[in-house]
């Protein structure tokens, strides 16, 4: 298969991987378990569960949301990037100077 065919095949595999990552769920909880978020590896929020205690204090709830969502997004991003890089690395021809891009 020529380079263009290989690149098109790789692009198709990357798109399939992105689609599959919609079903990979990342769960994250606050340290005390009062807030839980679930999002996909494509960083789409699926659910947020808030304990009654947090509903009493708006500022505390906001802090919990920011911290917990940021942790979940970081985890989802790591999974996403690793999966996409693995697929892309397999399909990219060995071009000098490009080896460090897909680690």
C-alpha atoms as a PDB file:
ATOM      1  CA  UNK A   1       0.000   0.000   0.000  1.00  0.00           C
ATOM      2  CA  UNK A   2       1.348   3.427  -0.898  1.00  0.00           C
ATOM      3  CA  UNK A   3       1.944   6.233   1.568  1.00  0.00           C
ATOM      4  CA  UNK A   4      -1.325   7.995   0.702  1.00  0.00           C
ATOM      5  CA  UNK A   5      -3.294   4.791   1.189  1.00  0.00           C
ATOM      6  CA  UNK A   6      -1.574   4.179   4.513  1.00  0.00           C
ATOM      7  CA  UNK A   7      -2.326   7.749   5.640  1.00  0.00           C
ATOM      8  CA  UNK A   8      -6.009   7.409   4.655  1.00  0.00           C
ATOM      9  CA  UNK A   9      -6.233   4.113   6.508  1.00  0.00           C
ATOM     10  CA  UNK A  10      -4.643   5.714   9.570  1.00  0.00           C
ATOM     11  CA  UNK A  11      -7.050   8.664   9.383  1.00  0.00           C
ATOM     12  CA  UNK A  12      -9.956   6.217   9.290  1.00  0.00           C
ATOM     13  CA  UNK A  13      -8.575   4.354  12.326  1.00  0.00           C
ATOM     14  CA  UNK A  14      -8.133   7.642  14.210  1.00  0.00           C
ATOM     15  CA  UNK A  15     -11.772   8.567  13.499  1.00  0.00           C
ATOM     16  CA  UNK A  16     -12.924   5.103  14.631  1.00  0.00           C
ATOM     17  CA  UNK A  17     -10.885   5.496  17.825  1.00  0.00           C
ATOM     18  CA  UNK A  18     -12.420   8.930  18.493  1.00  0.00           C
ATOM     19  CA  UNK A  19     -15.877   7.399  18.061  1.00  0.00           C
ATOM     20  CA  UNK A  20     -15.012   4.496  20.398  1.00  0.00           C
ATOM     21  CA  UNK A  21     -13.747   6.927  23.040  1.00  0.00           C
ATOM     22  CA  UNK A  22     -17.318   8.243  23.351  1.00  0.00           C
ATOM     23  CA  UNK A  23     -18.090   5.011  25.207  1.00  0.00           C
ATOM     24  CA  UNK A  24     -15.023   5.079  27.485  1.00  0.00           C
ATOM     25  CA  UNK A  25     -16.193   6.593  30.765  1.00  0.00           C
ATOM     26  CA  UNK A  26     -13.983   8.370  33.283  1.00  0.00           C
ATOM     27  CA  UNK A  27     -15.279   8.680  36.869  1.00  0.00           C
ATOM     28  CA  UNK A  28     -13.823  11.193  39.288  1.00  0.00           C
ATOM     29  CA  UNK A  29     -14.823  11.965  42.871  1.00  0.00           C
ATOM     30  CA  UNK A  30     -13.953  14.754  45.247  1.00  0.00           C
ATOM     31  CA  UNK A  31     -11.582  13.650  48.017  1.00  0.00           C
ATOM     32  CA  UNK A  32     -14.476  13.197  50.464  1.00  0.00           C
ATOM     33  CA  UNK A  33     -16.816  11.639  47.893  1.00  0.00           C
ATOM     34  CA  UNK A  34     -19.435  14.403  48.091  1.00  0.00           C
ATOM     35  CA  UNK A  35     -19.203  15.157  44.373  1.00  0.00           C
ATOM     36  CA  UNK A  36     -18.868  12.689  41.514  1.00  0.00           C
ATOM     37  CA  UNK A  37     -18.520  13.436  37.806  1.00  0.00           C
ATOM     38  CA  UNK A  38     -18.512  11.085  34.855  1.00  0.00           C
ATOM     39  CA  UNK A  39     -17.326  12.057  31.407  1.00  0.00           C
ATOM     40  CA  UNK A  40     -16.241  10.329  28.236  1.00  0.00           C
ATOM     41  CA  UNK A  41     -12.636  10.048  27.098  1.00  0.00           C
ATOM     42  CA  UNK A  42     -13.665  12.658  24.514  1.00  0.00           C
ATOM     43  CA  UNK A  43     -14.303  15.013  27.465  1.00  0.00           C
ATOM     44  CA  UNK A  44     -18.092  15.147  27.253  1.00  0.00           C
ATOM     45  CA  UNK A  45     -19.747  15.380  30.675  1.00  0.00           C
ATOM     46  CA  UNK A  46     -22.238  12.558  31.170  1.00  0.00           C
ATOM     47  CA  UNK A  47     -23.295  13.041  34.785  1.00  0.00           C
ATOM     48  CA  UNK A  48     -22.698  15.022  37.947  1.00  0.00           C
ATOM     49  CA  UNK A  49     -23.816  13.720  41.339  1.00  0.00           C
ATOM     50  CA  UNK A  50     -23.877  16.195  44.225  1.00  0.00           C
ATOM     51  CA  UNK A  51     -24.348  15.230  47.863  1.00  0.00           C
ATOM     52  CA  UNK A  52     -27.009  17.234  49.734  1.00  0.00           C
ATOM     53  CA  UNK A  53     -24.346  18.724  52.038  1.00  0.00           C
ATOM     54  CA  UNK A  54     -22.820  20.649  49.155  1.00  0.00           C
ATOM     55  CA  UNK A  55     -26.136  22.240  48.204  1.00  0.00           C
ATOM     56  CA  UNK A  56     -26.047  24.348  51.351  1.00  0.00           C
ATOM     57  CA  UNK A  57     -22.891  26.275  50.440  1.00  0.00           C
ATOM     58  CA  UNK A  58     -22.730  27.730  46.920  1.00  0.00           C
ATOM     59  CA  UNK A  59     -19.052  28.751  47.076  1.00  0.00           C
ATOM     60  CA  UNK A  60     -17.953  25.349  48.357  1.00  0.00           C
ATOM     61  CA  UNK A  61     -19.956  23.609  45.618  1.00  0.00           C
ATOM     62  CA  UNK A  62     -18.357  25.791  42.967  1.00  0.00           C
ATOM     63  CA  UNK A  63     -14.884  24.938  44.302  1.00  0.00           C
ATOM     64  CA  UNK A  64     -15.703  21.228  44.313  1.00  0.00           C
ATOM     65  CA  UNK A  65     -16.986  21.406  40.750  1.00  0.00           C
ATOM     66  CA  UNK A  66     -13.908  23.203  39.453  1.00  0.00           C
ATOM     67  CA  UNK A  67     -11.437  20.880  41.186  1.00  0.00           C
ATOM     68  CA  UNK A  68     -13.227  17.628  40.397  1.00  0.00           C
ATOM     69  CA  UNK A  69     -14.043  18.520  36.796  1.00  0.00           C
ATOM     70  CA  UNK A  70     -10.443  19.593  36.161  1.00  0.00           C
ATOM     71  CA  UNK A  71      -9.133  16.280  37.543  1.00  0.00           C
ATOM     72  CA  UNK A  72     -11.617  14.328  35.410  1.00  0.00           C
ATOM     73  CA  UNK A  73     -10.782  16.319  32.282  1.00  0.00           C
ATOM     74  CA  UNK A  74      -7.059  15.739  32.836  1.00  0.00           C
ATOM     75  CA  UNK A  75      -7.643  11.971  33.131  1.00  0.00           C
ATOM     76  CA  UNK A  76      -9.885  11.924  30.055  1.00  0.00           C
ATOM     77  CA  UNK A  77      -7.339  13.941  28.072  1.00  0.00           C
ATOM     78  CA  UNK A  78      -4.549  11.524  28.989  1.00  0.00           C
ATOM     79  CA  UNK A  79      -6.626   8.521  27.858  1.00  0.00           C
ATOM     80  CA  UNK A  80      -7.711  10.318  24.677  1.00  0.00           C
ATOM     81  CA  UNK A  81      -4.220  11.412  23.691  1.00  0.00           C
ATOM     82  CA  UNK A  82      -2.677   8.011  24.420  1.00  0.00           C
ATOM     83  CA  UNK A  83      -5.285   6.181  22.333  1.00  0.00           C
ATOM     84  CA  UNK A  84      -5.082   8.569  19.377  1.00  0.00           C
ATOM     85  CA  UNK A  85      -1.262   8.642  19.472  1.00  0.00           C
ATOM     86  CA  UNK A  86      -1.096   4.832  19.490  1.00  0.00           C
ATOM     87  CA  UNK A  87      -3.290   4.581  16.401  1.00  0.00           C
ATOM     88  CA  UNK A  88      -1.522   7.429  14.614  1.00  0.00           C
ATOM     89  CA  UNK A  89       1.961   6.091  15.393  1.00  0.00           C
ATOM     90  CA  UNK A  90       1.132   2.708  13.874  1.00  0.00           C
ATOM     91  CA  UNK A  91      -0.001   4.296  10.641  1.00  0.00           C
ATOM     92  CA  UNK A  92       2.547   7.033  10.099  1.00  0.00           C
ATOM     93  CA  UNK A  93       5.502   6.079   7.899  1.00  0.00           C
ATOM     94  CA  UNK A  94       8.916   6.272   9.530  1.00  0.00           C
ATOM     95  CA  UNK A  95       9.964   9.833   8.659  1.00  0.00           C
ATOM     96  CA  UNK A  96      13.286  11.040  10.079  1.00  0.00           C
ATOM     97  CA  UNK A  97      12.824  13.628  12.818  1.00  0.00           C
ATOM     98  CA  UNK A  98       9.182  12.679  13.442  1.00  0.00           C
ATOM     99  CA  UNK A  99       9.769   9.868  15.969  1.00  0.00           C
ATOM    100  CA  UNK A 100       9.255  12.080  19.020  1.00  0.00           C
ATOM    101  CA  UNK A 101       5.783  13.292  18.013  1.00  0.00           C
ATOM    102  CA  UNK A 102       3.765  10.197  18.899  1.00  0.00           C
ATOM    103  CA  UNK A 103       5.036   8.968  22.261  1.00  0.00           C
END
